[in-house]
Amino acid sequence: MFTPIAYQAIKKGIYLLNCTFKIIRNMKTFAIDSEYIQLIRLLKASRMAQSGGEAQQLVVEGLVKVNGVLESRKRAKLRPGDVVEYNGQKVEITAEE
């Protein structure tokens, strides 16, 4: 079963790295089937940012934390176990099962 975000992406012909997206106790999880995902791609795919340009701007302005530390690298490689925070929202990266 697809999450609403994945279903909408599939309907539009967009592929999200074969990922799944779940919400568990006020923290979303984002499963990836590759070694890593870039920070700006995660911000877009998890709907924390509406576009790639907005995702880049959030990082440049110092509004995004990775594992509790401000992240300034737009293309930081996020791996399973990393937690991204922005505007009170948290997303944990997990490996696809």
N, C-alpha and C. Protein backbone atom coordinates (compact mmCIF):
# COMPACT_ATOMS: atom_id res chain seq x y z
N MET A 1 0.84 -1.17 0.00
CA MET A 1 0.00 0.00 0.00
C MET A 1 0.89 1.25 0.00
N PHE A 2 0.57 2.20 -0.85
CA PHE A 2 1.36 3.41 -0.95
C PHE A 2 0.83 4.48 -0.01
N THR A 3 1.74 5.32 0.49
CA THR A 3 1.32 6.47 1.27
C THR A 3 0.72 7.48 0.30
N PRO A 4 -0.08 8.44 0.81
CA PRO A 4 -0.67 9.43 -0.10
C PRO A 4 0.37 10.18 -0.92
N ILE A 5 1.51 10.51 -0.33
CA ILE A 5 2.55 11.24 -1.06
C ILE A 5 3.10 10.37 -2.18
N ALA A 6 3.41 9.12 -1.88
CA ALA A 6 3.95 8.22 -2.90
C ALA A 6 2.93 8.00 -4.00
N TYR A 7 1.65 7.86 -3.64
CA TYR A 7 0.61 7.64 -4.64
C TYR A 7 0.50 8.84 -5.58
N GLN A 8 0.52 10.06 -5.01
CA GLN A 8 0.44 11.26 -5.85
C GLN A 8 1.64 11.35 -6.78
N ALA A 9 2.82 11.00 -6.26
CA ALA A 9 4.02 11.05 -7.07
C ALA A 9 3.94 10.03 -8.21
N ILE A 10 3.44 8.85 -7.92
CA ILE A 10 3.32 7.81 -8.94
C ILE A 10 2.31 8.25 -10.00
N LYS A 11 1.21 8.85 -9.56
CA LYS A 11 0.20 9.34 -10.50
C LYS A 11 0.79 10.36 -11.47
N LYS A 12 1.71 11.18 -10.96
CA LYS A 12 2.32 12.23 -11.78
C LYS A 12 3.54 11.71 -12.54
N GLY A 13 3.90 10.44 -12.36
CA GLY A 13 5.05 9.89 -13.06
C GLY A 13 6.37 10.24 -12.42
N ILE A 14 6.34 10.60 -11.15
CA ILE A 14 7.56 10.96 -10.43
C ILE A 14 7.98 9.76 -9.60
N TYR A 15 9.25 9.43 -9.62
CA TYR A 15 9.74 8.32 -8.83
C TYR A 15 10.55 8.86 -7.66
N LEU A 16 10.22 8.41 -6.46
CA LEU A 16 10.85 8.91 -5.24
C LEU A 16 11.85 7.89 -4.68
N LEU A 17 12.76 7.41 -5.48
CA LEU A 17 13.80 6.48 -5.03
C LEU A 17 13.22 5.24 -4.36
N ASN A 18 12.04 4.80 -4.77
CA ASN A 18 11.40 3.64 -4.15
C ASN A 18 11.36 3.76 -2.64
N CYS A 19 10.89 4.88 -2.15
CA CYS A 19 10.89 5.14 -0.72
C CYS A 19 9.48 4.98 -0.15
N THR A 20 9.42 4.85 1.16
CA THR A 20 8.14 4.87 1.85
C THR A 20 8.19 5.97 2.88
N PHE A 21 7.03 6.42 3.28
CA PHE A 21 6.94 7.57 4.16
C PHE A 21 5.87 7.28 5.19
N LYS A 22 6.24 7.24 6.48
CA LYS A 22 5.29 6.94 7.54
C LYS A 22 5.42 7.98 8.65
N ILE A 23 4.35 8.14 9.43
CA ILE A 23 4.40 9.03 10.59
C ILE A 23 4.26 8.18 11.84
N ILE A 24 5.25 8.28 12.72
CA ILE A 24 5.25 7.53 13.96
C ILE A 24 5.56 8.48 15.11
N ARG A 25 4.59 8.68 16.00
CA ARG A 25 4.77 9.52 17.19
C ARG A 25 5.38 10.88 16.90
N ASN A 26 4.75 11.66 16.09
CA ASN A 26 5.19 13.01 15.75
C ASN A 26 6.53 13.06 15.03
N MET A 27 7.07 11.90 14.66
CA MET A 27 8.28 11.89 13.85
C MET A 27 7.99 11.05 12.62
N LYS A 28 8.23 11.63 11.47
CA LYS A 28 8.04 10.91 10.23
C LYS A 28 9.26 10.03 9.99
N THR A 29 9.06 8.93 9.32
CA THR A 29 10.19 8.13 8.87
C THR A 29 10.18 8.12 7.36
N PHE A 30 11.35 8.12 6.79
CA PHE A 30 11.50 8.14 5.33
C PHE A 30 12.46 7.03 4.97
N ALA A 31 11.93 5.97 4.35
CA ALA A 31 12.75 4.81 4.01
C ALA A 31 13.35 4.97 2.62
N ILE A 32 14.64 4.68 2.52
CA ILE A 32 15.34 4.76 1.24
C ILE A 32 15.88 3.37 0.88
N ASP A 33 16.00 3.12 -0.42
CA ASP A 33 16.53 1.83 -0.86
C ASP A 33 17.94 1.96 -1.42
N SER A 34 18.55 3.10 -1.18
CA SER A 34 19.93 3.32 -1.63
C SER A 34 20.79 3.63 -0.40
N GLU A 35 22.06 3.85 -0.63
CA GLU A 35 22.99 4.10 0.48
C GLU A 35 22.68 5.42 1.20
N TYR A 36 22.27 6.42 0.44
CA TYR A 36 22.01 7.74 1.03
C TYR A 36 21.02 8.52 0.17
N ILE A 37 20.55 9.66 0.73
CA ILE A 37 19.74 10.62 -0.02
C ILE A 37 20.29 12.00 0.31
N GLN A 38 20.34 12.88 -0.66
CA GLN A 38 20.83 14.23 -0.43
C GLN A 38 19.80 15.03 0.38
N LEU A 39 20.30 15.93 1.21
CA LEU A 39 19.44 16.72 2.10
C LEU A 39 18.34 17.45 1.33
N ILE A 40 18.68 18.14 0.26
CA ILE A 40 17.64 18.92 -0.44
C ILE A 40 16.61 18.00 -1.09
N ARG A 41 17.02 16.81 -1.52
CA ARG A 41 16.05 15.87 -2.09
C ARG A 41 15.09 15.37 -1.02
N LEU A 42 15.62 15.14 0.19
CA LEU A 42 14.76 14.71 1.29
C LEU A 42 13.76 15.80 1.66
N LEU A 43 14.23 17.05 1.73
CA LEU A 43 13.33 18.15 2.08
C LEU A 43 12.18 18.26 1.09
N LYS A 44 12.46 18.05 -0.19
CA LYS A 44 11.40 18.08 -1.21
C LYS A 44 10.49 16.87 -1.10
N ALA A 45 11.06 15.69 -1.03
CA ALA A 45 10.28 14.45 -1.03
C ALA A 45 9.40 14.32 0.21
N SER A 46 9.84 14.87 1.34
CA SER A 46 9.07 14.78 2.58
C SER A 46 8.11 15.96 2.75
N ARG A 47 8.08 16.82 1.75
CA ARG A 47 7.19 17.98 1.74
C ARG A 47 7.52 19.02 2.82
N MET A 48 8.75 19.03 3.28
CA MET A 48 9.19 20.10 4.18
C MET A 48 9.44 21.37 3.36
N ALA A 49 9.75 21.19 2.09
CA ALA A 49 9.93 22.29 1.15
C ALA A 49 9.08 22.01 -0.08
N GLN A 50 8.57 23.06 -0.69
CA GLN A 50 7.70 22.90 -1.85
C GLN A 50 8.47 22.71 -3.15
N SER A 51 9.74 23.15 -3.17
CA SER A 51 10.54 23.05 -4.39
C SER A 51 12.00 22.88 -4.02
N GLY A 52 12.81 22.57 -5.03
CA GLY A 52 14.25 22.44 -4.80
C GLY A 52 14.87 23.77 -4.40
N GLY A 53 14.40 24.84 -5.01
CA GLY A 53 14.92 26.17 -4.67
C GLY A 53 14.61 26.53 -3.23
N GLU A 54 13.41 26.22 -2.79
CA GLU A 54 13.05 26.49 -1.40
C GLU A 54 13.88 25.64 -0.46
N ALA A 55 14.10 24.37 -0.82
CA ALA A 55 14.91 23.47 0.02
C ALA A 55 16.33 24.03 0.16
N GLN A 56 16.91 24.48 -0.94
CA GLN A 56 18.25 25.05 -0.88
C GLN A 56 18.28 26.29 0.00
N GLN A 57 17.27 27.14 -0.12
CA GLN A 57 17.20 28.37 0.67
C GLN A 57 17.09 28.06 2.16
N LEU A 58 16.32 27.06 2.54
CA LEU A 58 16.19 26.69 3.95
C LEU A 58 17.54 26.30 4.53
N VAL A 59 18.32 25.56 3.76
CA VAL A 59 19.64 25.13 4.23
C VAL A 59 20.59 26.32 4.31
N VAL A 60 20.60 27.17 3.28
CA VAL A 60 21.48 28.34 3.25
C VAL A 60 21.19 29.27 4.42
N GLU A 61 19.91 29.42 4.77
CA GLU A 61 19.53 30.31 5.87
C GLU A 61 19.77 29.70 7.25
N GLY A 62 20.23 28.45 7.30
CA GLY A 62 20.54 27.81 8.57
C GLY A 62 19.31 27.40 9.36
N LEU A 63 18.27 26.96 8.67
CA LEU A 63 17.02 26.59 9.32
C LEU A 63 16.85 25.08 9.48
N VAL A 64 17.80 24.31 8.96
CA VAL A 64 17.68 22.85 8.96
C VAL A 64 18.77 22.24 9.85
N LYS A 65 18.35 21.30 10.69
CA LYS A 65 19.30 20.58 11.54
C LYS A 65 19.34 19.11 11.11
N VAL A 66 20.53 18.53 11.18
CA VAL A 66 20.70 17.09 10.96
C VAL A 66 21.33 16.53 12.22
N ASN A 67 20.65 15.61 12.84
CA ASN A 67 21.11 15.01 14.10
C ASN A 67 21.37 16.08 15.16
N GLY A 68 20.52 17.11 15.21
CA GLY A 68 20.60 18.14 16.22
C GLY A 68 21.60 19.25 15.95
N VAL A 69 22.30 19.21 14.81
CA VAL A 69 23.32 20.21 14.47
C VAL A 69 22.91 20.92 13.19
N LEU A 70 23.03 22.26 13.15
CA LEU A 70 22.70 23.00 11.94
C LEU A 70 23.54 22.49 10.78
N GLU A 71 22.89 22.27 9.66
CA GLU A 71 23.57 21.73 8.47
C GLU A 71 23.63 22.81 7.40
N SER A 72 24.83 23.08 6.89
CA SER A 72 25.00 24.12 5.87
C SER A 72 25.26 23.54 4.48
N ARG A 73 25.44 22.22 4.39
CA ARG A 73 25.69 21.58 3.10
C ARG A 73 24.37 21.15 2.47
N LYS A 74 24.05 21.74 1.33
CA LYS A 74 22.79 21.45 0.66
C LYS A 74 22.71 20.00 0.20
N ARG A 75 23.82 19.46 -0.18
CA ARG A 75 23.84 18.08 -0.70
C ARG A 75 24.44 17.10 0.31
N ALA A 76 24.28 17.41 1.59
CA ALA A 76 24.75 16.49 2.63
C ALA A 76 24.13 15.12 2.41
N LYS A 77 24.92 14.08 2.56
CA LYS A 77 24.44 12.72 2.36
C LYS A 77 23.82 12.21 3.65
N LEU A 78 22.54 11.91 3.59
CA LEU A 78 21.81 11.40 4.75
C LEU A 78 21.68 9.90 4.63
N ARG A 79 22.00 9.22 5.71
CA ARG A 79 21.97 7.76 5.73
C ARG A 79 20.98 7.29 6.79
N PRO A 80 20.59 6.01 6.73
CA PRO A 80 19.67 5.49 7.76
C PRO A 80 20.18 5.79 9.17
N GLY A 81 19.26 6.26 10.00
CA GLY A 81 19.59 6.64 11.37
C GLY A 81 19.68 8.14 11.56
N ASP A 82 19.90 8.90 10.48
CA ASP A 82 19.96 10.36 10.57
C ASP A 82 18.56 10.93 10.79
N VAL A 83 18.50 12.03 11.55
CA VAL A 83 17.23 12.71 11.82
C VAL A 83 17.36 14.15 11.34
N VAL A 84 16.42 14.59 10.51
CA VAL A 84 16.41 15.94 9.97
C VAL A 84 15.28 16.71 10.64
N GLU A 85 15.59 17.95 11.07
CA GLU A 85 14.59 18.80 11.73
C GLU A 85 14.47 20.12 10.98
N TYR A 86 13.22 20.56 10.82
CA TYR A 86 12.94 21.88 10.27
C TYR A 86 11.56 22.32 10.75
N ASN A 87 11.49 23.51 11.30
CA ASN A 87 10.22 24.12 11.67
C ASN A 87 9.36 23.21 12.55
N GLY A 88 9.97 22.54 13.51
CA GLY A 88 9.24 21.68 14.42
C GLY A 88 8.92 20.29 13.88
N GLN A 89 9.27 20.03 12.64
CA GLN A 89 9.03 18.72 12.02
C GLN A 89 10.32 17.91 12.07
N LYS A 90 10.19 16.62 12.31
CA LYS A 90 11.36 15.73 12.32
C LYS A 90 11.10 14.57 11.37
N VAL A 91 12.14 14.21 10.63
CA VAL A 91 12.09 13.07 9.73
C VAL A 91 13.31 12.20 10.00
N GLU A 92 13.06 10.92 10.26
CA GLU A 92 14.17 9.98 10.46
C GLU A 92 14.35 9.14 9.20
N ILE A 93 15.59 9.01 8.77
CA ILE A 93 15.90 8.20 7.58
C ILE A 93 16.03 6.74 8.02
N THR A 94 15.35 5.86 7.30
CA THR A 94 15.45 4.43 7.59
C THR A 94 15.78 3.69 6.30
N ALA A 95 16.26 2.46 6.44
CA ALA A 95 16.55 1.63 5.27
C ALA A 95 15.27 0.93 4.83
N GLU A 96 15.08 0.82 3.52
CA GLU A 96 13.93 0.12 2.97
C GLU A 96 13.99 -1.34 3.37
N GLU A 97 12.87 -1.90 3.77
CA GLU A 97 12.85 -3.31 4.21
C GLU A 97 12.57 -4.24 3.07
